[in-house]
Amino acid sequence: MMQAMESDRISKLTEPQRICLRMVLMHLSSKDIARELGISPHTVDQRLRMAIQALGVANRFEAARILARFESQAPYQSAVYQTPHVAPAPVYDRVGSSDIHGVRQGNEAFHGSAVREEQIAFRTPAFATGGSFINLPIPTPGREHNDLNIVQRLGWIVSIAIASALAFGGLLAGLDALKRLFQA
């Protein structure tokens, strides 16, 4: 009886109302829904108000859940026994950024920089050389924060100044060579 009443109420919803409710279920705000659909946020709110009234619920989230439950009803009964030929979902161990350097962390807590094992290759910086890292003055994968000490900072400043002077000198030498080439 409850299913029949619910399907009657859901059949009163228009397709634009259903679209807005599906987007509410994705935790989008009225502004986000409006941006996606190319309509105004007031139109989205009006569609949601009408859907709430049609379903007889208190808020947009309840309305979205009712629609999702109605639309997810499978026309066929699910299998009682799962076939043994279906492989179980893989379980990936999480490793921290210090595991990349060869120091294994304990499993007592999740670390914010932890990644799955298959992602280690993507988190290892390309400039890693045999366990010792070159600390660049910019954020890099695996080291998002600039944590250079004063000696490293001064070293980078001097290195960049020398490289700039050499590049400028090379540019001037090239221009002088071109000048001599055209004068001859």
Protein backbone atom coordinates (compact mmCIF):
# COMPACT_ATOMS: atom_id res chain seq x y z
CA MET A 1 0.00 0.00 0.00
CA MET A 2 2.84 2.37 0.91
CA GLN A 3 4.59 1.67 -2.40
CA ALA A 4 1.44 2.53 -4.36
CA MET A 5 0.98 5.82 -2.49
CA GLU A 6 4.63 6.70 -2.99
CA SER A 7 4.55 5.91 -6.71
CA ASP A 8 1.40 8.06 -7.08
CA ARG A 9 3.15 11.00 -5.44
CA ILE A 10 6.31 10.53 -7.51
CA SER A 11 4.29 10.34 -10.73
CA LYS A 12 3.15 13.94 -10.00
CA LEU A 13 6.75 15.19 -10.30
CA THR A 14 7.79 16.79 -13.56
CA GLU A 15 11.07 15.87 -15.21
CA PRO A 16 12.73 19.24 -14.35
CA GLN A 17 11.76 18.67 -10.69
CA ARG A 18 13.28 15.18 -10.81
CA ILE A 19 16.50 16.54 -12.31
CA CYS A 20 16.78 19.12 -9.51
CA LEU A 21 16.12 16.44 -6.87
CA ARG A 22 18.81 14.19 -8.35
CA MET A 23 21.27 17.07 -8.11
CA VAL A 24 20.22 17.73 -4.50
CA LEU A 25 21.11 14.11 -3.82
CA MET A 26 24.60 14.92 -5.15
CA HIS A 27 24.81 17.64 -2.43
CA LEU A 28 24.68 20.55 -4.87
CA SER A 29 23.34 23.90 -3.72
CA SER A 30 20.63 25.80 -5.59
CA LYS A 31 23.28 28.04 -7.15
CA ASP A 32 25.29 25.03 -8.35
CA ILE A 33 22.19 23.36 -9.78
CA ALA A 34 21.21 26.59 -11.53
CA ARG A 35 24.69 26.93 -13.01
CA GLU A 36 24.59 23.34 -14.28
CA LEU A 37 21.13 23.68 -15.83
CA GLY A 38 21.54 27.23 -17.10
CA ILE A 39 18.58 28.59 -15.13
CA SER A 40 18.23 30.98 -12.20
CA PRO A 41 18.56 29.81 -8.57
CA HIS A 42 15.01 31.06 -7.94
CA THR A 43 13.70 28.67 -10.59
CA VAL A 44 15.57 25.81 -8.93
CA ASP A 45 14.11 26.74 -5.53
CA GLN A 46 10.62 26.93 -7.03
CA ARG A 47 10.98 23.47 -8.63
CA LEU A 48 12.22 22.03 -5.35
CA ARG A 49 9.36 23.67 -3.37
CA MET A 50 6.81 22.17 -5.76
CA ALA A 51 8.48 18.75 -5.49
CA ILE A 52 8.46 18.95 -1.68
CA GLN A 53 4.74 19.78 -1.75
CA ALA A 54 3.98 16.99 -4.23
CA LEU A 55 5.80 14.41 -2.11
CA GLY A 56 4.51 15.76 1.20
CA VAL A 57 7.88 15.88 2.94
CA ALA A 58 9.61 18.47 5.12
CA ASN A 59 12.72 19.33 3.08
CA ARG A 60 14.55 18.86 -0.20
CA PHE A 61 16.81 16.09 1.11
CA GLU A 62 13.90 13.88 2.11
CA ALA A 63 12.33 14.46 -1.29
CA ALA A 64 15.59 13.56 -3.03
CA ARG A 65 15.94 10.38 -0.94
CA ILE A 66 12.38 9.29 -1.79
CA LEU A 67 13.02 9.83 -5.50
CA ALA A 68 16.34 7.96 -5.32
CA ARG A 69 14.73 5.04 -3.48
CA PHE A 70 11.92 4.92 -6.06
CA GLU A 71 14.30 5.08 -9.04
CA SER A 72 16.72 2.51 -7.63
CA GLN A 73 14.10 -0.22 -7.36
CA ALA A 74 15.36 -2.98 -9.59
CA PRO A 75 12.79 -4.67 -11.83
CA TYR A 76 14.43 -8.02 -11.10
CA GLN A 77 15.08 -9.74 -7.82
CA SER A 78 18.72 -9.73 -6.77
CA ALA A 79 20.61 -13.01 -6.69
CA VAL A 80 20.43 -14.80 -3.35
CA TYR A 81 23.77 -16.53 -3.76
CA GLN A 82 26.75 -14.89 -5.35
CA THR A 83 28.55 -16.97 -7.90
CA PRO A 84 32.05 -18.08 -6.83
CA HIS A 85 33.42 -16.88 -10.18
CA VAL A 86 33.09 -13.24 -9.18
CA ALA A 87 36.34 -11.88 -7.81
CA PRO A 88 36.14 -9.99 -4.50
CA ALA A 89 36.92 -6.29 -4.51
CA PRO A 90 40.65 -5.67 -3.99
CA VAL A 91 41.73 -4.30 -0.63
CA TYR A 92 44.50 -1.74 -0.93
CA ASP A 93 46.81 -0.96 1.93
CA ARG A 94 47.47 2.71 2.56
CA VAL A 95 51.00 3.94 2.95
CA GLY A 96 52.31 7.29 4.11
CA SER A 97 54.72 9.62 2.39
CA SER A 98 57.56 8.48 4.65
CA ASP A 99 57.05 4.94 3.32
CA ILE A 100 58.20 6.25 -0.05
CA HIS A 101 61.55 7.06 1.54
CA GLY A 102 61.87 3.55 3.01
CA VAL A 103 60.69 4.28 6.57
CA ARG A 104 57.57 2.23 7.30
CA GLN A 105 54.90 3.93 9.37
CA GLY A 106 52.75 2.09 11.85
CA ASN A 107 49.10 1.40 11.08
CA GLU A 108 47.85 3.13 14.22
CA ALA A 109 46.46 6.20 12.45
CA PHE A 110 45.62 7.49 9.01
CA HIS A 111 48.00 10.18 7.83
CA GLY A 112 46.77 12.97 5.56
CA SER A 113 49.51 12.30 3.03
CA ALA A 114 48.80 8.56 2.84
CA VAL A 115 48.20 7.01 -0.56
CA ARG A 116 47.35 3.55 -1.83
CA GLU A 117 50.26 1.32 -2.77
CA GLU A 118 49.62 1.58 -6.51
CA GLN A 119 49.83 5.39 -6.25
CA ILE A 120 53.35 5.49 -4.79
CA ALA A 121 54.93 5.86 -8.23
CA PHE A 122 52.88 8.99 -8.81
CA ARG A 123 53.72 10.50 -5.41
CA THR A 124 57.48 9.92 -5.62
CA PRO A 125 59.15 13.11 -6.85
CA ALA A 126 60.90 12.79 -10.21
CA PHE A 127 64.05 14.40 -8.82
CA ALA A 128 64.59 11.72 -6.15
CA THR A 129 68.14 10.40 -6.29
CA GLY A 130 68.95 7.33 -4.24
CA GLY A 131 67.06 8.27 -1.08
CA SER A 132 68.34 11.84 -0.85
CA PHE A 133 66.08 14.56 -2.20
CA ILE A 134 66.87 17.91 -3.71
CA ASN A 135 64.70 20.41 -1.88
CA LEU A 136 63.29 22.69 -4.55
CA PRO A 137 61.99 26.14 -3.54
CA ILE A 138 58.57 25.28 -5.03
CA PRO A 139 55.90 22.81 -3.87
CA THR A 140 56.43 19.36 -5.39
CA PRO A 141 54.50 16.07 -5.27
CA GLY A 142 55.13 14.48 -1.90
CA ARG A 143 56.26 17.78 -0.35
CA GLU A 144 53.54 20.36 -0.83
CA HIS A 145 54.84 22.84 1.77
CA ASN A 146 57.96 24.98 1.41
CA ASP A 147 60.08 23.75 4.31
CA LEU A 148 63.54 24.99 3.34
CA ASN A 149 65.86 26.15 6.09
CA ILE A 150 67.81 29.42 5.89
CA VAL A 151 70.95 27.83 4.36
CA GLN A 152 68.92 26.14 1.62
CA ARG A 153 67.04 29.37 0.89
CA LEU A 154 70.29 31.35 0.58
CA GLY A 155 71.77 28.59 -1.57
CA TRP A 156 68.83 28.78 -3.96
CA ILE A 157 69.03 32.57 -4.10
CA VAL A 158 72.75 32.46 -4.97
CA SER A 159 72.20 29.63 -7.49
CA ILE A 160 69.40 31.50 -9.25
CA ALA A 161 71.49 34.71 -9.32
CA ILE A 162 74.49 32.90 -10.84
CA ALA A 163 72.30 31.09 -13.39
CA SER A 164 70.65 34.39 -14.36
CA ALA A 165 74.06 36.10 -14.78
CA LEU A 166 75.35 33.23 -16.93
CA ALA A 167 72.19 33.23 -19.07
CA PHE A 168 72.39 37.01 -19.56
CA GLY A 169 76.10 36.74 -20.42
CA GLY A 170 75.34 33.99 -22.93
CA LEU A 171 72.64 36.16 -24.47
CA LEU A 172 75.04 39.11 -24.80
CA ALA A 173 77.76 36.87 -26.27
CA GLY A 174 75.27 35.51 -28.81
CA LEU A 175 74.16 38.99 -29.81
CA ASP A 176 77.81 40.08 -30.16
CA ALA A 177 78.51 37.06 -32.34
CA LEU A 178 75.52 37.89 -34.55
CA LYS A 179 76.71 41.49 -34.82
CA ARG A 180 80.18 40.35 -35.95
CA LEU A 181 78.65 37.87 -38.38
CA PHE A 182 76.59 40.55 -40.11
CA GLN A 183 79.48 43.07 -40.18
CA ALA A 184 81.78 40.72 -42.00
